[in-house]
PDB file of all heavy atoms in Angstrom:
ATOM      1  N   ILE A   1      -5.811   1.284   2.973  1.00  0.00           N
ATOM      2  CA  ILE A   1      -4.405   1.572   2.665  1.00  0.00           C
ATOM      3  C   ILE A   1      -4.390   1.941   1.218  1.00  0.00           C
ATOM      4  O   ILE A   1      -4.824   1.108   0.328  1.00  0.00           O
ATOM      5  CB  ILE A   1      -3.503   0.281   2.844  1.00  0.00           C
ATOM      6  CG1 ILE A   1      -3.439  -0.076   4.304  1.00  0.00           C
ATOM      7  CG2 ILE A   1      -2.112   0.552   2.319  1.00  0.00           C
ATOM      8  CD1 ILE A   1      -2.583  -1.340   4.494  1.00  0.00           C
ATOM      9  N   ARG A   2      -3.887   3.101   0.834  1.00  0.00           N
ATOM     10  CA  ARG A   2      -3.615   3.465  -0.469  1.00  0.00           C
ATOM     11  C   ARG A   2      -2.763   4.751  -0.537  1.00  0.00           C
ATOM     12  O   ARG A   2      -2.763   5.482   0.400  1.00  0.00           O
ATOM     13  CB  ARG A   2      -4.915   3.740  -1.316  1.00  0.00           C
ATOM     14  CG  ARG A   2      -5.813   4.737  -0.686  1.00  0.00           C
ATOM     15  CD  ARG A   2      -7.179   4.701  -1.349  1.00  0.00           C
ATOM     16  NE  ARG A   2      -8.086   5.058  -0.333  1.00  0.00           N
ATOM     17  CZ  ARG A   2      -9.275   5.519  -0.489  1.00  0.00           C
ATOM     18  NH1 ARG A   2      -9.692   5.755  -1.717  1.00  0.00           N
ATOM     19  NH2 ARG A   2     -10.060   5.799   0.479  1.00  0.00           N
ATOM     20  N   SER A   3      -2.064   4.840  -1.641  1.00  0.00           N
ATOM     21  CA  SER A   3      -1.101   5.971  -1.762  1.00  0.00           C
ATOM     22  C   SER A   3      -1.934   7.147  -2.190  1.00  0.00           C
ATOM     23  O   SER A   3      -3.000   7.071  -2.792  1.00  0.00           O
ATOM     24  CB  SER A   3      -0.044   5.651  -2.839  1.00  0.00           C
ATOM     25  OG  SER A   3       0.689   4.569  -2.407  1.00  0.00           O
ATOM     26  N   LEU A   4      -1.345   8.341  -1.968  1.00  0.00           N
ATOM     27  CA  LEU A   4      -1.965   9.558  -2.517  1.00  0.00           C
ATOM     28  C   LEU A   4      -1.890   9.480  -4.032  1.00  0.00           C
ATOM     29  O   LEU A   4      -0.914   8.998  -4.629  1.00  0.00           O
ATOM     30  CB  LEU A   4      -1.256  10.759  -2.034  1.00  0.00           C
ATOM     31  CG  LEU A   4      -1.354  10.978  -0.478  1.00  0.00           C
ATOM     32  CD1 LEU A   4      -0.475  12.126  -0.105  1.00  0.00           C
ATOM     33  CD2 LEU A   4      -2.798  11.216  -0.127  1.00  0.00           C
ATOM     34  N   PRO A   5      -2.934  10.007  -4.733  1.00  0.00           N
ATOM     35  CA  PRO A   5      -2.891  10.005  -6.207  1.00  0.00           C
ATOM     36  C   PRO A   5      -1.617  10.651  -6.779  1.00  0.00           C
ATOM     37  O   PRO A   5      -1.192  11.638  -6.254  1.00  0.00           O
ATOM     38  CB  PRO A   5      -4.122  10.769  -6.536  1.00  0.00           C
ATOM     39  CG  PRO A   5      -5.050  10.806  -5.366  1.00  0.00           C
ATOM     40  CD  PRO A   5      -4.088  10.691  -4.161  1.00  0.00           C
ATOM     41  N   GLY A   6      -1.041   9.977  -7.719  1.00  0.00           N
ATOM     42  CA  GLY A   6       0.134  10.559  -8.482  1.00  0.00           C
ATOM     43  C   GLY A   6       1.406  10.352  -7.654  1.00  0.00           C
ATOM     44  O   GLY A   6       2.431  10.830  -8.151  1.00  0.00           O
ATOM     45  N   THR A   7       1.415   9.595  -6.562  1.00  0.00           N
ATOM     46  CA  THR A   7       2.714   9.446  -5.847  1.00  0.00           C
ATOM     47  C   THR A   7       3.502   8.184  -6.238  1.00  0.00           C
ATOM     48  O   THR A   7       4.650   8.018  -5.807  1.00  0.00           O
ATOM     49  CB  THR A   7       2.495   9.522  -4.337  1.00  0.00           C
ATOM     50  OG1 THR A   7       1.596   8.441  -3.932  1.00  0.00           O
ATOM     51  CG2 THR A   7       1.884  10.816  -3.867  1.00  0.00           C
ATOM     52  N   GLU A   8       2.835   7.196  -6.862  1.00  0.00           N
ATOM     53  CA  GLU A   8       3.518   5.965  -7.149  1.00  0.00           C
ATOM     54  C   GLU A   8       2.965   5.507  -8.539  1.00  0.00           C
ATOM     55  O   GLU A   8       1.930   5.831  -8.974  1.00  0.00           O
ATOM     56  CB  GLU A   8       3.128   4.877  -6.187  1.00  0.00           C
ATOM     57  CG  GLU A   8       3.733   5.075  -4.805  1.00  0.00           C
ATOM     58  CD  GLU A   8       3.396   3.879  -3.899  1.00  0.00           C
ATOM     59  OE1 GLU A   8       3.289   2.831  -4.399  1.00  0.00           O
ATOM     60  OE2 GLU A   8       3.261   4.140  -2.698  1.00  0.00           O
ATOM     61  N   PRO A   9       3.842   4.686  -9.236  1.00  0.00           N
ATOM     62  CA  PRO A   9       3.382   4.095 -10.491  1.00  0.00           C
ATOM     63  C   PRO A   9       2.141   3.211 -10.208  1.00  0.00           C
ATOM     64  O   PRO A   9       1.948   2.747  -9.149  1.00  0.00           O
ATOM     65  CB  PRO A   9       4.489   3.235 -10.946  1.00  0.00           C
ATOM     66  CG  PRO A   9       5.650   3.547 -10.054  1.00  0.00           C
ATOM     67  CD  PRO A   9       5.120   4.281  -8.859  1.00  0.00           C
ATOM     68  N   ALA A  10       1.287   3.112 -11.228  1.00  0.00           N
ATOM     69  CA  ALA A  10       0.011   2.269 -11.084  1.00  0.00           C
ATOM     70  C   ALA A  10       0.313   0.845 -10.672  1.00  0.00           C
ATOM     71  O   ALA A  10      -0.348   0.305  -9.798  1.00  0.00           O
ATOM     72  CB  ALA A  10      -0.734   2.273 -12.399  1.00  0.00           C
ATOM     73  N   SER A  11       1.362   0.282 -11.150  1.00  0.00           N
ATOM     74  CA  SER A  11       1.717  -1.127 -10.779  1.00  0.00           C
ATOM     75  C   SER A  11       1.951  -1.204  -9.295  1.00  0.00           C
ATOM     76  O   SER A  11       1.644  -2.234  -8.603  1.00  0.00           O
ATOM     77  CB  SER A  11       2.876  -1.623 -11.548  1.00  0.00           C
ATOM     78  OG  SER A  11       4.056  -0.804 -11.356  1.00  0.00           O
ATOM     79  N   SER A  12       2.668  -0.213  -8.718  1.00  0.00           N
ATOM     80  CA  SER A  12       2.901  -0.245  -7.242  1.00  0.00           C
ATOM     81  C   SER A  12       1.691  -0.057  -6.456  1.00  0.00           C
ATOM     82  O   SER A  12       1.599  -0.588  -5.305  1.00  0.00           O
ATOM     83  CB  SER A  12       4.002   0.836  -6.943  1.00  0.00           C
ATOM     84  OG  SER A  12       5.155   0.600  -7.561  1.00  0.00           O
ATOM     85  N   ARG A  13       0.773   0.744  -6.942  1.00  0.00           N
ATOM     86  CA  ARG A  13      -0.449   0.991  -6.174  1.00  0.00           C
ATOM     87  C   ARG A  13      -1.304  -0.195  -5.997  1.00  0.00           C
ATOM     88  O   ARG A  13      -1.997  -0.323  -5.017  1.00  0.00           O
ATOM     89  CB  ARG A  13      -1.229   2.116  -6.876  1.00  0.00           C
ATOM     90  CG  ARG A  13      -0.800   3.488  -6.456  1.00  0.00           C
ATOM     91  CD  ARG A  13      -1.682   4.527  -7.093  1.00  0.00           C
ATOM     92  NE  ARG A  13      -0.977   5.135  -8.128  1.00  0.00           N
ATOM     93  CZ  ARG A  13      -1.405   5.454  -9.305  1.00  0.00           C
ATOM     94  NH1 ARG A  13      -2.640   5.251  -9.661  1.00  0.00           N
ATOM     95  NH2 ARG A  13      -0.642   6.042 -10.207  1.00  0.00           N
ATOM     96  N   ARG A  14      -1.173  -1.170  -6.900  1.00  0.00           N
ATOM     97  CA  ARG A  14      -1.967  -2.385  -6.789  1.00  0.00           C
ATOM     98  C   ARG A  14      -1.395  -3.409  -5.815  1.00  0.00           C
ATOM     99  O   ARG A  14      -2.068  -4.285  -5.428  1.00  0.00           O
ATOM    100  CB  ARG A  14      -2.098  -3.064  -8.176  1.00  0.00           C
ATOM    101  CG  ARG A  14      -3.091  -2.277  -9.045  1.00  0.00           C
ATOM    102  CD  ARG A  14      -3.397  -3.101 -10.335  1.00  0.00           C
ATOM    103  NE  ARG A  14      -2.301  -3.012 -11.251  1.00  0.00           N
ATOM    104  CZ  ARG A  14      -2.113  -2.141 -12.141  1.00  0.00           C
ATOM    105  NH1 ARG A  14      -2.988  -1.116 -12.233  1.00  0.00           N
ATOM    106  NH2 ARG A  14      -1.124  -2.116 -12.987  1.00  0.00           N
ATOM    107  N   GLU A  15      -0.078  -3.249  -5.445  1.00  0.00           N
ATOM    108  CA  GLU A  15       0.564  -4.184  -4.583  1.00  0.00           C
ATOM    109  C   GLU A  15       0.947  -3.490  -3.273  1.00  0.00           C
ATOM    110  O   GLU A  15       1.629  -2.441  -3.273  1.00  0.00           O
ATOM    111  CB  GLU A  15       1.812  -4.725  -5.256  1.00  0.00           C
ATOM    112  CG  GLU A  15       1.568  -5.523  -6.484  1.00  0.00           C
ATOM    113  CD  GLU A  15       2.794  -5.998  -7.152  1.00  0.00           C
ATOM    114  OE1 GLU A  15       3.894  -6.018  -6.544  1.00  0.00           O
ATOM    115  OE2 GLU A  15       2.780  -6.271  -8.348  1.00  0.00           O
ATOM    116  N   VAL A  16       0.529  -4.106  -2.169  1.00  0.00           N
ATOM    117  CA  VAL A  16       0.919  -3.601  -0.907  1.00  0.00           C
ATOM    118  C   VAL A  16       1.764  -4.639  -0.216  1.00  0.00           C
ATOM    119  O   VAL A  16       1.343  -5.807  -0.195  1.00  0.00           O
ATOM    120  CB  VAL A  16      -0.295  -3.155   0.012  1.00  0.00           C
ATOM    121  CG1 VAL A  16       0.110  -2.785   1.312  1.00  0.00           C
ATOM    122  CG2 VAL A  16      -1.046  -2.112  -0.703  1.00  0.00           C
ATOM    123  N   ASN A  17       2.860  -4.311   0.254  1.00  0.00           N
ATOM    124  CA  ASN A  17       3.782  -5.226   0.990  1.00  0.00           C
ATOM    125  C   ASN A  17       3.047  -6.006   1.994  1.00  0.00           C
ATOM    126  O   ASN A  17       2.321  -5.387   2.854  1.00  0.00           O
ATOM    127  CB  ASN A  17       4.931  -4.386   1.568  1.00  0.00           C
ATOM    128  CG  ASN A  17       5.925  -5.254   2.309  1.00  0.00           C
ATOM    129  OD1 ASN A  17       5.637  -6.232   2.996  1.00  0.00           O
ATOM    130  ND2 ASN A  17       7.152  -4.836   2.179  1.00  0.00           N
ATOM    131  N   PRO A  18       3.150  -7.325   2.101  1.00  0.00           N
ATOM    132  CA  PRO A  18       2.469  -8.162   3.092  1.00  0.00           C
ATOM    133  C   PRO A  18       2.764  -7.692   4.525  1.00  0.00           C
ATOM    134  O   PRO A  18       1.898  -7.746   5.359  1.00  0.00           O
ATOM    135  CB  PRO A  18       2.949  -9.573   2.835  1.00  0.00           C
ATOM    136  CG  PRO A  18       3.370  -9.604   1.467  1.00  0.00           C
ATOM    137  CD  PRO A  18       3.897  -8.215   1.188  1.00  0.00           C
ATOM    138  N   LYS A  19       3.994  -7.272   4.742  1.00  0.00           N
ATOM    139  CA  LYS A  19       4.373  -6.777   6.093  1.00  0.00           C
ATOM    140  C   LYS A  19       3.551  -5.580   6.384  1.00  0.00           C
ATOM    141  O   LYS A  19       3.070  -5.377   7.558  1.00  0.00           O
ATOM    142  CB  LYS A  19       5.856  -6.467   6.141  1.00  0.00           C
ATOM    143  CG  LYS A  19       6.345  -6.012   7.519  1.00  0.00           C
ATOM    144  CD  LYS A  19       7.903  -5.862   7.403  1.00  0.00           C
ATOM    145  CE  LYS A  19       8.453  -5.389   8.751  1.00  0.00           C
ATOM    146  NZ  LYS A  19       9.858  -5.078   8.727  1.00  0.00           N
ATOM    147  N   THR A  20       3.372  -4.654   5.437  1.00  0.00           N
ATOM    148  CA  THR A  20       2.606  -3.434   5.638  1.00  0.00           C
ATOM    149  C   THR A  20       1.118  -3.797   5.958  1.00  0.00           C
ATOM    150  O   THR A  20       0.525  -3.217   6.836  1.00  0.00           O
ATOM    151  CB  THR A  20       2.687  -2.555   4.408  1.00  0.00           C
ATOM    152  OG1 THR A  20       4.028  -2.217   4.107  1.00  0.00           O
ATOM    153  CG2 THR A  20       1.916  -1.223   4.597  1.00  0.00           C
ATOM    154  N   ARG A  21       0.559  -4.753   5.248  1.00  0.00           N
ATOM    155  CA  ARG A  21      -0.789  -5.150   5.464  1.00  0.00           C
ATOM    156  C   ARG A  21      -0.986  -5.683   6.883  1.00  0.00           C
ATOM    157  O   ARG A  21      -2.021  -5.419   7.528  1.00  0.00           O
ATOM    158  CB  ARG A  21      -1.221  -6.268   4.479  1.00  0.00           C
ATOM    159  CG  ARG A  21      -2.103  -5.692   3.452  1.00  0.00           C
ATOM    160  CD  ARG A  21      -2.787  -6.694   2.647  1.00  0.00           C
ATOM    161  NE  ARG A  21      -2.918  -6.261   1.334  1.00  0.00           N
ATOM    162  CZ  ARG A  21      -3.692  -5.180   0.986  1.00  0.00           C
ATOM    163  NH1 ARG A  21      -4.435  -4.607   1.853  1.00  0.00           N
ATOM    164  NH2 ARG A  21      -3.774  -4.801  -0.276  1.00  0.00           N
ATOM    165  N   ALA A  22       0.005  -6.500   7.379  1.00  0.00           N
ATOM    166  CA  ALA A  22      -0.127  -7.055   8.727  1.00  0.00           C
ATOM    167  C   ALA A  22      -0.057  -5.963   9.803  1.00  0.00           C
ATOM    168  O   ALA A  22      -0.844  -5.994  10.700  1.00  0.00           O
ATOM    169  CB  ALA A  22       1.035  -8.058   8.933  1.00  0.00           C
ATOM    170  N   VAL A  23       0.807  -5.022   9.627  1.00  0.00           N
ATOM    171  CA  VAL A  23       0.873  -3.884  10.531  1.00  0.00           C
ATOM    172  C   VAL A  23      -0.405  -3.044  10.507  1.00  0.00           C
ATOM    173  O   VAL A  23      -0.918  -2.651  11.531  1.00  0.00           O
ATOM    174  CB  VAL A  23       2.154  -2.989  10.278  1.00  0.00           C
ATOM    175  CG1 VAL A  23       2.114  -1.718  11.129  1.00  0.00           C
ATOM    176  CG2 VAL A  23       3.384  -3.807  10.634  1.00  0.00           C
ATOM    177  N   TRP A  24      -0.936  -2.812   9.288  1.00  0.00           N
ATOM    178  CA  TRP A  24      -2.133  -2.032   9.166  1.00  0.00           C
ATOM    179  C   TRP A  24      -3.308  -2.751   9.855  1.00  0.00           C
ATOM    180  O   TRP A  24      -4.022  -2.079  10.580  1.00  0.00           O
ATOM    181  CB  TRP A  24      -2.453  -1.907   7.647  1.00  0.00           C
ATOM    182  CG  TRP A  24      -3.602  -1.045   7.344  1.00  0.00           C
ATOM    183  CD1 TRP A  24      -4.808  -1.348   6.935  1.00  0.00           C
ATOM    184  CD2 TRP A  24      -3.586   0.437   7.417  1.00  0.00           C
ATOM    185  NE1 TRP A  24      -5.631  -0.231   6.682  1.00  0.00           N
ATOM    186  CE2 TRP A  24      -4.853   0.855   6.998  1.00  0.00           C
ATOM    187  CE3 TRP A  24      -2.582   1.420   7.756  1.00  0.00           C
ATOM    188  CZ2 TRP A  24      -5.207   2.211   6.975  1.00  0.00           C
ATOM    189  CZ3 TRP A  24      -2.947   2.766   7.624  1.00  0.00           C
ATOM    190  CH2 TRP A  24      -4.230   3.121   7.294  1.00  0.00           C
ATOM    191  N   LYS A  25      -3.419  -4.048   9.701  1.00  0.00           N
ATOM    192  CA  LYS A  25      -4.502  -4.786  10.307  1.00  0.00           C
ATOM    193  C   LYS A  25      -4.376  -4.724  11.767  1.00  0.00           C
ATOM    194  O   LYS A  25      -5.364  -4.539  12.562  1.00  0.00           O
ATOM    195  CB  LYS A  25      -4.455  -6.307   9.844  1.00  0.00           C
ATOM    196  CG  LYS A  25      -5.568  -7.148  10.345  1.00  0.00           C
ATOM    197  CD  LYS A  25      -5.464  -8.495   9.739  1.00  0.00           C
ATOM    198  CE  LYS A  25      -6.583  -9.409  10.295  1.00  0.00           C
ATOM    199  NZ  LYS A  25      -6.536 -10.739   9.695  1.00  0.00           N
ATOM    200  N   GLU A  26      -3.227  -4.917  12.350  1.00  0.00           N
ATOM    201  CA  GLU A  26      -2.968  -4.785  13.766  1.00  0.00           C
ATOM    202  C   GLU A  26      -3.236  -3.487  14.344  1.00  0.00           C
ATOM    203  O   GLU A  26      -3.871  -3.276  15.403  1.00  0.00           O
ATOM    204  CB  GLU A  26      -1.497  -5.293  14.087  1.00  0.00           C
ATOM    205  CG  GLU A  26      -1.307  -5.710  15.536  1.00  0.00           C
ATOM    206  CD  GLU A  26      -0.892  -4.533  16.399  1.00  0.00           C
ATOM    207  OE1 GLU A  26      -0.232  -3.627  15.965  1.00  0.00           O
ATOM    208  OE2 GLU A  26      -1.183  -4.565  17.577  1.00  0.00           O
ATOM    209  N   LEU A  27      -2.798  -2.416  13.642  1.00  0.00           N
ATOM    210  CA  LEU A  27      -3.051  -1.063  14.046  1.00  0.00           C
ATOM    211  C   LEU A  27      -4.510  -0.784  14.127  1.00  0.00           C
ATOM    212  O   LEU A  27      -5.007  -0.193  15.114  1.00  0.00           O
ATOM    213  CB  LEU A  27      -2.345  -0.016  13.103  1.00  0.00           C
ATOM    214  CG  LEU A  27      -2.602   1.362  13.323  1.00  0.00           C
ATOM    215  CD1 LEU A  27      -1.923   1.831  14.637  1.00  0.00           C
ATOM    216  CD2 LEU A  27      -2.051   2.212  12.248  1.00  0.00           C
TER     217      LEU A  27
END
């Protein structure tokens, strides 16, 4: 899971919403 380069601020790239992580793991 990662954003395309240049699409989000660096601080946002380091944090992934826990809900997103759960869906990613299940997918």
